[in-house]
Amino acid sequence: MAAQKPIRTLRALDRALRFARSKLSPDITAQRLLILIAVYFHEGLSQRELLNHLELTSITALSRNLADLSRLTTKKLPGPGLLELRVDPLNLRVKRLFLTKKGKRFMEQWLTFTSAATTG
């Protein structure tokens, strides 16, 4: 019986990622979804704080993922526009992360879906 819980958890995670892909893009990665979750719950984090919060090691990979969640991707193509980076007025070298209205709307839908998927 205890072995079923990890399997149910993995299935719920898979459904949650599939939901995100159906709403955003088929190529959204789990790491990008993690970034959205972290920014949703901790708006205003700096890139460095997010890197530490998610225990990531590459600022380059994080920057690429942030750009690909913003209005303009790393390839200068239109992006999903879920995140925006704002310059910290107290330290102009620091960029703080915020969800756009579209990003907040997606996260609220995603959280509702995942809550229903894990309780039902």
C-alpha atoms as a PDB file:
ATOM      1  CA  MET A   1       0.000   0.000   0.000  1.00  0.00           C
ATOM      2  CA  ALA A   2       2.832   2.417   0.851  1.00  0.00           C
ATOM      3  CA  ALA A   3       4.421   1.776  -2.548  1.00  0.00           C
ATOM      4  CA  GLN A   4       1.313   3.212  -4.236  1.00  0.00           C
ATOM      5  CA  LYS A   5       1.809   6.713  -2.803  1.00  0.00           C
ATOM      6  CA  PRO A   6       5.018   7.505  -4.762  1.00  0.00           C
ATOM      7  CA  ILE A   7       3.381   6.190  -7.926  1.00  0.00           C
ATOM      8  CA  ARG A   8       0.316   8.391  -7.359  1.00  0.00           C
ATOM      9  CA  THR A   9       2.594  11.356  -6.715  1.00  0.00           C
ATOM     10  CA  LEU A  10       4.519  10.735  -9.942  1.00  0.00           C
ATOM     11  CA  ARG A  11       1.277  10.433 -11.886  1.00  0.00           C
ATOM     12  CA  ALA A  12       0.023  13.700 -10.391  1.00  0.00           C
ATOM     13  CA  LEU A  13       3.296  15.409 -11.335  1.00  0.00           C
ATOM     14  CA  ASP A  14       3.024  14.048 -14.866  1.00  0.00           C
ATOM     15  CA  ARG A  15      -0.564  15.326 -15.168  1.00  0.00           C
ATOM     16  CA  ALA A  16       0.511  18.731 -13.832  1.00  0.00           C
ATOM     17  CA  LEU A  17       3.303  19.015 -16.398  1.00  0.00           C
ATOM     18  CA  ARG A  18       0.970  17.892 -19.199  1.00  0.00           C
ATOM     19  CA  PHE A  19      -1.552  20.525 -18.111  1.00  0.00           C
ATOM     20  CA  ALA A  20       1.153  23.214 -18.271  1.00  0.00           C
ATOM     21  CA  ARG A  21       2.201  22.039 -21.724  1.00  0.00           C
ATOM     22  CA  SER A  22      -1.392  22.091 -22.985  1.00  0.00           C
ATOM     23  CA  LYS A  23      -1.896  25.664 -21.759  1.00  0.00           C
ATOM     24  CA  LEU A  24       1.488  27.156 -22.648  1.00  0.00           C
ATOM     25  CA  SER A  25       3.693  25.215 -25.001  1.00  0.00           C
ATOM     26  CA  PRO A  26       4.414  21.548 -25.673  1.00  0.00           C
ATOM     27  CA  ASP A  27       8.091  22.154 -24.985  1.00  0.00           C
ATOM     28  CA  ILE A  28       7.804  23.750 -21.536  1.00  0.00           C
ATOM     29  CA  THR A  29      10.261  22.039 -19.224  1.00  0.00           C
ATOM     30  CA  ALA A  30       9.863  21.001 -15.615  1.00  0.00           C
ATOM     31  CA  GLN A  31      12.610  23.493 -14.703  1.00  0.00           C
ATOM     32  CA  ARG A  32      10.679  26.377 -16.282  1.00  0.00           C
ATOM     33  CA  LEU A  33       7.564  25.292 -14.435  1.00  0.00           C
ATOM     34  CA  LEU A  34       9.582  25.249 -11.202  1.00  0.00           C
ATOM     35  CA  ILE A  35      10.718  28.803 -11.927  1.00  0.00           C
ATOM     36  CA  LEU A  36       7.114  29.942 -12.391  1.00  0.00           C
ATOM     37  CA  ILE A  37       6.084  28.253  -9.142  1.00  0.00           C
ATOM     38  CA  ALA A  38       8.952  29.848  -7.211  1.00  0.00           C
ATOM     39  CA  VAL A  39       8.240  33.326  -8.580  1.00  0.00           C
ATOM     40  CA  TYR A  40       4.511  32.917  -7.889  1.00  0.00           C
ATOM     41  CA  PHE A  41       5.166  32.197  -4.221  1.00  0.00           C
ATOM     42  CA  HIS A  42       8.168  34.542  -3.856  1.00  0.00           C
ATOM     43  CA  GLU A  43       7.591  37.489  -6.186  1.00  0.00           C
ATOM     44  CA  GLY A  44      10.388  40.007  -6.292  1.00  0.00           C
ATOM     45  CA  LEU A  45      13.238  37.511  -5.973  1.00  0.00           C
ATOM     46  CA  SER A  46      16.461  38.488  -7.665  1.00  0.00           C
ATOM     47  CA  GLN A  47      17.952  36.132 -10.230  1.00  0.00           C
ATOM     48  CA  ARG A  48      20.672  35.175  -7.733  1.00  0.00           C
ATOM     49  CA  GLU A  49      18.095  34.509  -4.979  1.00  0.00           C
ATOM     50  CA  LEU A  50      16.080  32.337  -7.347  1.00  0.00           C
ATOM     51  CA  LEU A  51      19.222  30.437  -8.329  1.00  0.00           C
ATOM     52  CA  ASN A  52      19.922  29.698  -4.657  1.00  0.00           C
ATOM     53  CA  HIS A  53      16.273  29.010  -3.835  1.00  0.00           C
ATOM     54  CA  LEU A  54      16.014  26.349  -6.552  1.00  0.00           C
ATOM     55  CA  GLU A  55      19.521  25.050  -5.811  1.00  0.00           C
ATOM     56  CA  LEU A  56      20.616  25.544  -9.417  1.00  0.00           C
ATOM     57  CA  THR A  57      24.253  25.932 -10.382  1.00  0.00           C
ATOM     58  CA  SER A  58      24.201  27.712 -13.733  1.00  0.00           C
ATOM     59  CA  ILE A  59      23.222  31.379 -13.909  1.00  0.00           C
ATOM     60  CA  THR A  60      23.471  31.091 -17.706  1.00  0.00           C
ATOM     61  CA  ALA A  61      20.850  28.329 -17.872  1.00  0.00           C
ATOM     62  CA  LEU A  62      18.634  30.250 -15.457  1.00  0.00           C
ATOM     63  CA  SER A  63      18.929  33.428 -17.549  1.00  0.00           C
ATOM     64  CA  ARG A  64      18.026  31.485 -20.693  1.00  0.00           C
ATOM     65  CA  ASN A  65      14.974  29.959 -18.999  1.00  0.00           C
ATOM     66  CA  LEU A  66      13.881  33.354 -17.664  1.00  0.00           C
ATOM     67  CA  ALA A  67      14.182  34.907 -21.115  1.00  0.00           C
ATOM     68  CA  ASP A  68      12.197  32.061 -22.661  1.00  0.00           C
ATOM     69  CA  LEU A  69       9.373  32.702 -20.161  1.00  0.00           C
ATOM     70  CA  SER A  70       9.382  36.448 -20.878  1.00  0.00           C
ATOM     71  CA  ARG A  71       7.887  38.462 -23.724  1.00  0.00           C
ATOM     72  CA  LEU A  72      10.992  38.052 -25.875  1.00  0.00           C
ATOM     73  CA  THR A  73      12.920  34.768 -25.949  1.00  0.00           C
ATOM     74  CA  THR A  74      16.677  34.299 -26.141  1.00  0.00           C
ATOM     75  CA  LYS A  75      16.248  33.961 -29.916  1.00  0.00           C
ATOM     76  CA  LYS A  76      14.463  37.354 -29.999  1.00  0.00           C
ATOM     77  CA  LEU A  77      11.172  35.670 -30.888  1.00  0.00           C
ATOM     78  CA  PRO A  78       7.870  36.442 -29.164  1.00  0.00           C
ATOM     79  CA  GLY A  79       7.680  34.484 -25.924  1.00  0.00           C
ATOM     80  CA  PRO A  80       4.779  33.520 -23.678  1.00  0.00           C
ATOM     81  CA  GLY A  81       5.066  36.707 -21.606  1.00  0.00           C
ATOM     82  CA  LEU A  82       4.637  35.010 -18.229  1.00  0.00           C
ATOM     83  CA  LEU A  83       7.547  36.690 -16.421  1.00  0.00           C
ATOM     84  CA  GLU A  84       9.056  40.124 -16.345  1.00  0.00           C
ATOM     85  CA  LEU A  85      12.352  41.283 -14.956  1.00  0.00           C
ATOM     86  CA  ARG A  86      12.406  44.682 -13.289  1.00  0.00           C
ATOM     87  CA  VAL A  87      15.483  46.622 -12.277  1.00  0.00           C
ATOM     88  CA  ASP A  88      15.762  47.000  -8.504  1.00  0.00           C
ATOM     89  CA  PRO A  89      15.576  50.764  -7.819  1.00  0.00           C
ATOM     90  CA  LEU A  90      17.964  50.388  -4.859  1.00  0.00           C
ATOM     91  CA  ASN A  91      20.581  48.454  -6.833  1.00  0.00           C
ATOM     92  CA  LEU A  92      20.479  48.980 -10.589  1.00  0.00           C
ATOM     93  CA  ARG A  93      22.611  45.881 -11.213  1.00  0.00           C
ATOM     94  CA  VAL A  94      19.933  43.605  -9.729  1.00  0.00           C
ATOM     95  CA  LYS A  95      16.887  42.416 -11.665  1.00  0.00           C
ATOM     96  CA  ARG A  96      13.842  41.251  -9.720  1.00  0.00           C
ATOM     97  CA  LEU A  97      11.361  38.691 -11.039  1.00  0.00           C
ATOM     98  CA  PHE A  98       7.614  39.155 -11.233  1.00  0.00           C
ATOM     99  CA  LEU A  99       4.794  37.311 -12.940  1.00  0.00           C
ATOM    100  CA  THR A 100       2.801  39.229 -15.518  1.00  0.00           C
ATOM    101  CA  LYS A 101      -1.009  39.184 -15.352  1.00  0.00           C
ATOM    102  CA  LYS A 102      -0.902  36.334 -17.848  1.00  0.00           C
ATOM    103  CA  GLY A 103       1.622  34.484 -15.661  1.00  0.00           C
ATOM    104  CA  LYS A 104      -0.523  34.920 -12.542  1.00  0.00           C
ATOM    105  CA  ARG A 105      -3.623  33.760 -14.406  1.00  0.00           C
ATOM    106  CA  PHE A 106      -1.791  30.649 -15.638  1.00  0.00           C
ATOM    107  CA  MET A 107      -0.424  29.848 -12.170  1.00  0.00           C
ATOM    108  CA  GLU A 108      -3.875  30.175 -10.583  1.00  0.00           C
ATOM    109  CA  GLN A 109      -5.285  27.763 -13.195  1.00  0.00           C
ATOM    110  CA  TRP A 110      -2.347  25.412 -12.700  1.00  0.00           C
ATOM    111  CA  LEU A 111      -2.675  25.445  -8.901  1.00  0.00           C
ATOM    112  CA  THR A 112      -6.418  24.780  -9.143  1.00  0.00           C
ATOM    113  CA  PHE A 113      -5.754  21.888 -11.517  1.00  0.00           C
ATOM    114  CA  THR A 114      -2.977  20.373  -9.403  1.00  0.00           C
ATOM    115  CA  SER A 115      -4.993  20.740  -6.216  1.00  0.00           C
ATOM    116  CA  ALA A 116      -7.907  18.882  -7.801  1.00  0.00           C
ATOM    117  CA  ALA A 117      -5.575  16.276  -9.320  1.00  0.00           C
ATOM    118  CA  THR A 118      -3.904  15.468  -6.005  1.00  0.00           C
ATOM    119  CA  THR A 119      -7.036  15.444  -3.838  1.00  0.00           C
ATOM    120  CA  GLY A 120      -9.425  13.770  -6.227  1.00  0.00           C
END
